[in-house]
Amino acid sequence: MSLAGVLIAAFLCTGSETSFAHSGTADEQEACTPDVFRLCSAQIPSETRIVACLNKNMAKLSPACRAVMRGDKPKASKKR
């Protein structure tokens, strides 16, 4: 995933009226929004600085956000 979804969530939560196209799903955005605010709030609204901050703090990210940042794809559930 590009980090656009993560960043959009951060911008939306700060009330920015800037319009963005995003490629992240709602689940991906939800996974990283708490980490953006917890670890990188001083970097909002700079997309470049948020991405750098999340990468710098990879070990401190929640497991869900870390998976998003690494581009891990969720495993498909098996239907019987």
N, C-alpha and C. Protein backbone atom coordinates (compact mmCIF):
# COMPACT_ATOMS: atom_id res chain seq x y z
N MET A 1 0.84 -1.18 0.00
CA MET A 1 0.00 0.00 0.00
C MET A 1 0.88 1.23 0.00
N SER A 2 0.47 2.21 -0.76
CA SER A 2 1.16 3.48 -0.60
C SER A 2 0.70 4.07 0.72
N LEU A 3 1.45 4.98 1.23
CA LEU A 3 1.11 5.54 2.52
C LEU A 3 0.04 6.61 2.43
N ALA A 4 -0.50 6.80 1.25
CA ALA A 4 -1.53 7.82 1.08
C ALA A 4 -2.71 7.59 2.01
N GLY A 5 -3.12 6.35 2.17
CA GLY A 5 -4.26 6.06 3.05
C GLY A 5 -4.00 6.45 4.48
N VAL A 6 -2.81 6.15 4.95
CA VAL A 6 -2.43 6.53 6.31
C VAL A 6 -2.46 8.03 6.46
N LEU A 7 -1.90 8.70 5.50
CA LEU A 7 -1.80 10.15 5.58
C LEU A 7 -3.15 10.82 5.43
N ILE A 8 -4.00 10.25 4.62
CA ILE A 8 -5.33 10.82 4.47
C ILE A 8 -6.06 10.79 5.81
N ALA A 9 -5.96 9.67 6.50
CA ALA A 9 -6.60 9.58 7.81
C ALA A 9 -6.08 10.66 8.74
N ALA A 10 -4.79 10.88 8.73
CA ALA A 10 -4.22 11.91 9.59
C ALA A 10 -4.73 13.30 9.20
N PHE A 11 -4.78 13.57 7.91
CA PHE A 11 -5.27 14.87 7.46
C PHE A 11 -6.75 15.06 7.78
N LEU A 12 -7.53 14.00 7.59
CA LEU A 12 -8.96 14.12 7.87
C LEU A 12 -9.21 14.37 9.35
N CYS A 13 -8.43 13.72 10.18
CA CYS A 13 -8.61 13.89 11.62
C CYS A 13 -8.17 15.27 12.10
N THR A 14 -7.33 15.93 11.35
CA THR A 14 -6.90 17.27 11.75
C THR A 14 -7.77 18.35 11.13
N GLY A 15 -8.76 17.94 10.37
CA GLY A 15 -9.70 18.91 9.81
C GLY A 15 -9.23 19.59 8.56
N SER A 16 -8.20 19.08 7.92
CA SER A 16 -7.72 19.69 6.68
C SER A 16 -8.79 19.57 5.61
N GLU A 17 -8.95 20.61 4.84
CA GLU A 17 -9.94 20.59 3.77
C GLU A 17 -9.31 20.24 2.44
N THR A 18 -8.05 19.90 2.46
CA THR A 18 -7.36 19.55 1.23
C THR A 18 -7.91 18.23 0.71
N SER A 19 -8.08 18.14 -0.59
CA SER A 19 -8.62 16.94 -1.20
C SER A 19 -7.47 16.04 -1.64
N PHE A 20 -7.57 14.75 -1.33
CA PHE A 20 -6.54 13.79 -1.68
C PHE A 20 -7.17 12.57 -2.35
N ALA A 21 -6.44 11.99 -3.28
CA ALA A 21 -6.84 10.69 -3.82
C ALA A 21 -6.11 9.66 -2.97
N HIS A 22 -6.79 8.58 -2.62
CA HIS A 22 -6.10 7.61 -1.78
C HIS A 22 -6.21 6.21 -2.34
N SER A 23 -5.25 5.39 -1.98
CA SER A 23 -5.24 4.02 -2.43
C SER A 23 -5.38 3.05 -1.27
N GLY A 24 -5.35 3.54 -0.04
CA GLY A 24 -5.46 2.68 1.12
C GLY A 24 -6.91 2.40 1.45
N THR A 25 -7.14 1.20 1.97
CA THR A 25 -8.49 0.86 2.39
C THR A 25 -8.78 1.51 3.73
N ALA A 26 -10.04 1.51 4.11
CA ALA A 26 -10.43 2.05 5.41
C ALA A 26 -9.72 1.29 6.53
N ASP A 27 -9.58 -0.02 6.37
CA ASP A 27 -8.89 -0.83 7.39
C ASP A 27 -7.43 -0.44 7.52
N GLU A 28 -6.78 -0.17 6.39
CA GLU A 28 -5.37 0.24 6.43
C GLU A 28 -5.22 1.60 7.09
N GLN A 29 -6.12 2.50 6.77
CA GLN A 29 -6.09 3.82 7.40
C GLN A 29 -6.30 3.69 8.91
N GLU A 30 -7.27 2.88 9.28
CA GLU A 30 -7.59 2.68 10.69
C GLU A 30 -6.41 2.06 11.44
N ALA A 31 -5.66 1.21 10.77
CA ALA A 31 -4.53 0.53 11.41
C ALA A 31 -3.44 1.51 11.84
N CYS A 32 -3.21 2.57 11.08
CA CYS A 32 -2.08 3.46 11.35
C CYS A 32 -2.44 4.80 11.97
N THR A 33 -3.69 5.20 11.92
CA THR A 33 -4.05 6.51 12.46
C THR A 33 -3.63 6.68 13.92
N PRO A 34 -3.88 5.70 14.80
CA PRO A 34 -3.43 5.89 16.20
C PRO A 34 -1.92 6.06 16.32
N ASP A 35 -1.17 5.33 15.50
CA ASP A 35 0.29 5.43 15.54
C ASP A 35 0.77 6.79 15.03
N VAL A 36 0.10 7.31 14.01
CA VAL A 36 0.46 8.64 13.51
C VAL A 36 0.30 9.66 14.62
N PHE A 37 -0.83 9.60 15.33
CA PHE A 37 -1.05 10.57 16.40
C PHE A 37 -0.14 10.33 17.60
N ARG A 38 0.12 9.06 17.92
CA ARG A 38 0.94 8.73 19.09
C ARG A 38 2.41 9.06 18.86
N LEU A 39 2.91 8.76 17.68
CA LEU A 39 4.35 8.87 17.43
C LEU A 39 4.75 10.05 16.55
N CYS A 40 3.84 10.51 15.72
CA CYS A 40 4.23 11.46 14.67
C CYS A 40 3.33 12.69 14.59
N SER A 41 2.62 13.00 15.65
CA SER A 41 1.67 14.12 15.59
C SER A 41 2.34 15.44 15.26
N ALA A 42 3.59 15.61 15.67
CA ALA A 42 4.30 16.86 15.38
C ALA A 42 4.60 17.01 13.89
N GLN A 43 4.49 15.93 13.14
CA GLN A 43 4.81 15.97 11.71
C GLN A 43 3.60 16.29 10.84
N ILE A 44 2.40 16.23 11.41
CA ILE A 44 1.18 16.53 10.66
C ILE A 44 1.17 18.02 10.36
N PRO A 45 0.90 18.46 9.16
CA PRO A 45 0.33 17.75 8.02
C PRO A 45 1.34 17.38 6.93
N SER A 46 2.62 17.36 7.21
CA SER A 46 3.62 17.07 6.17
C SER A 46 3.67 15.58 5.86
N GLU A 47 3.21 15.22 4.68
CA GLU A 47 3.20 13.83 4.26
C GLU A 47 4.60 13.22 4.31
N THR A 48 5.57 13.92 3.80
CA THR A 48 6.94 13.42 3.78
C THR A 48 7.45 13.17 5.19
N ARG A 49 7.18 14.08 6.09
CA ARG A 49 7.66 13.94 7.47
C ARG A 49 6.92 12.84 8.22
N ILE A 50 5.64 12.65 7.94
CA ILE A 50 4.89 11.55 8.58
C ILE A 50 5.46 10.21 8.14
N VAL A 51 5.69 10.06 6.85
CA VAL A 51 6.25 8.80 6.33
C VAL A 51 7.61 8.53 6.96
N ALA A 52 8.46 9.54 7.01
CA ALA A 52 9.78 9.38 7.62
C ALA A 52 9.66 9.01 9.09
N CYS A 53 8.74 9.65 9.79
CA CYS A 53 8.54 9.36 11.21
C CYS A 53 8.07 7.93 11.43
N LEU A 54 7.11 7.49 10.64
CA LEU A 54 6.62 6.11 10.79
C LEU A 54 7.73 5.11 10.49
N ASN A 55 8.50 5.36 9.45
CA ASN A 55 9.62 4.47 9.13
C ASN A 55 10.66 4.46 10.24
N LYS A 56 10.96 5.62 10.80
CA LYS A 56 11.93 5.73 11.88
C LYS A 56 11.46 4.97 13.12
N ASN A 57 10.17 4.95 13.34
CA ASN A 57 9.59 4.32 14.53
C ASN A 57 8.98 2.95 14.25
N MET A 58 9.44 2.29 13.21
CA MET A 58 8.87 1.00 12.81
C MET A 58 8.74 0.03 13.98
N ALA A 59 9.73 -0.05 14.83
CA ALA A 59 9.70 -1.00 15.95
C ALA A 59 8.64 -0.64 16.98
N LYS A 60 8.20 0.61 17.01
CA LYS A 60 7.21 1.06 17.98
C LYS A 60 5.78 1.03 17.44
N LEU A 61 5.63 0.73 16.15
CA LEU A 61 4.31 0.72 15.55
C LEU A 61 3.49 -0.47 16.03
N SER A 62 2.19 -0.30 16.02
CA SER A 62 1.31 -1.42 16.33
C SER A 62 1.53 -2.49 15.26
N PRO A 63 1.26 -3.75 15.60
CA PRO A 63 1.45 -4.81 14.60
C PRO A 63 0.66 -4.55 13.31
N ALA A 64 -0.54 -4.03 13.43
CA ALA A 64 -1.36 -3.78 12.24
C ALA A 64 -0.75 -2.70 11.36
N CYS A 65 -0.29 -1.62 11.96
CA CYS A 65 0.31 -0.54 11.18
C CYS A 65 1.65 -0.98 10.60
N ARG A 66 2.41 -1.74 11.35
CA ARG A 66 3.69 -2.24 10.84
C ARG A 66 3.46 -3.08 9.59
N ALA A 67 2.42 -3.90 9.61
CA ALA A 67 2.10 -4.72 8.44
C ALA A 67 1.74 -3.84 7.25
N VAL A 68 0.97 -2.79 7.49
CA VAL A 68 0.61 -1.86 6.42
C VAL A 68 1.85 -1.19 5.86
N MET A 69 2.72 -0.72 6.74
CA MET A 69 3.93 -0.01 6.31
C MET A 69 4.85 -0.92 5.51
N ARG A 70 4.89 -2.20 5.86
CA ARG A 70 5.74 -3.15 5.14
C ARG A 70 5.09 -3.63 3.85
N GLY A 71 3.81 -3.31 3.68
CA GLY A 71 3.11 -3.74 2.48
C GLY A 71 2.63 -5.17 2.54
N ASP A 72 2.54 -5.72 3.76
CA ASP A 72 2.04 -7.09 3.91
C ASP A 72 0.60 -7.15 3.44
N LYS A 73 0.27 -8.18 2.74
CA LYS A 73 -1.10 -8.39 2.29
C LYS A 73 -1.79 -9.30 3.30
N PRO A 74 -3.03 -8.96 3.67
CA PRO A 74 -3.76 -9.84 4.59
C PRO A 74 -4.00 -11.18 3.93
N LYS A 75 -3.94 -12.23 4.73
CA LYS A 75 -4.18 -13.56 4.20
C LYS A 75 -5.67 -13.73 3.96
N ALA A 76 -6.00 -14.29 2.80
CA ALA A 76 -7.41 -14.52 2.47
C ALA A 76 -7.96 -15.62 3.36
N SER A 77 -9.16 -15.41 3.84
CA SER A 77 -9.78 -16.44 4.66
C SER A 77 -10.28 -17.55 3.75
N LYS A 78 -10.19 -18.76 4.23
CA LYS A 78 -10.62 -19.90 3.44
C LYS A 78 -12.10 -20.15 3.70
N LYS A 79 -12.86 -20.25 2.61
CA LYS A 79 -14.28 -20.55 2.72
C LYS A 79 -14.47 -22.02 2.40
N ARG A 80 -15.38 -22.63 3.11
CA ARG A 80 -15.65 -24.05 2.86
C ARG A 80 -16.90 -24.19 2.07
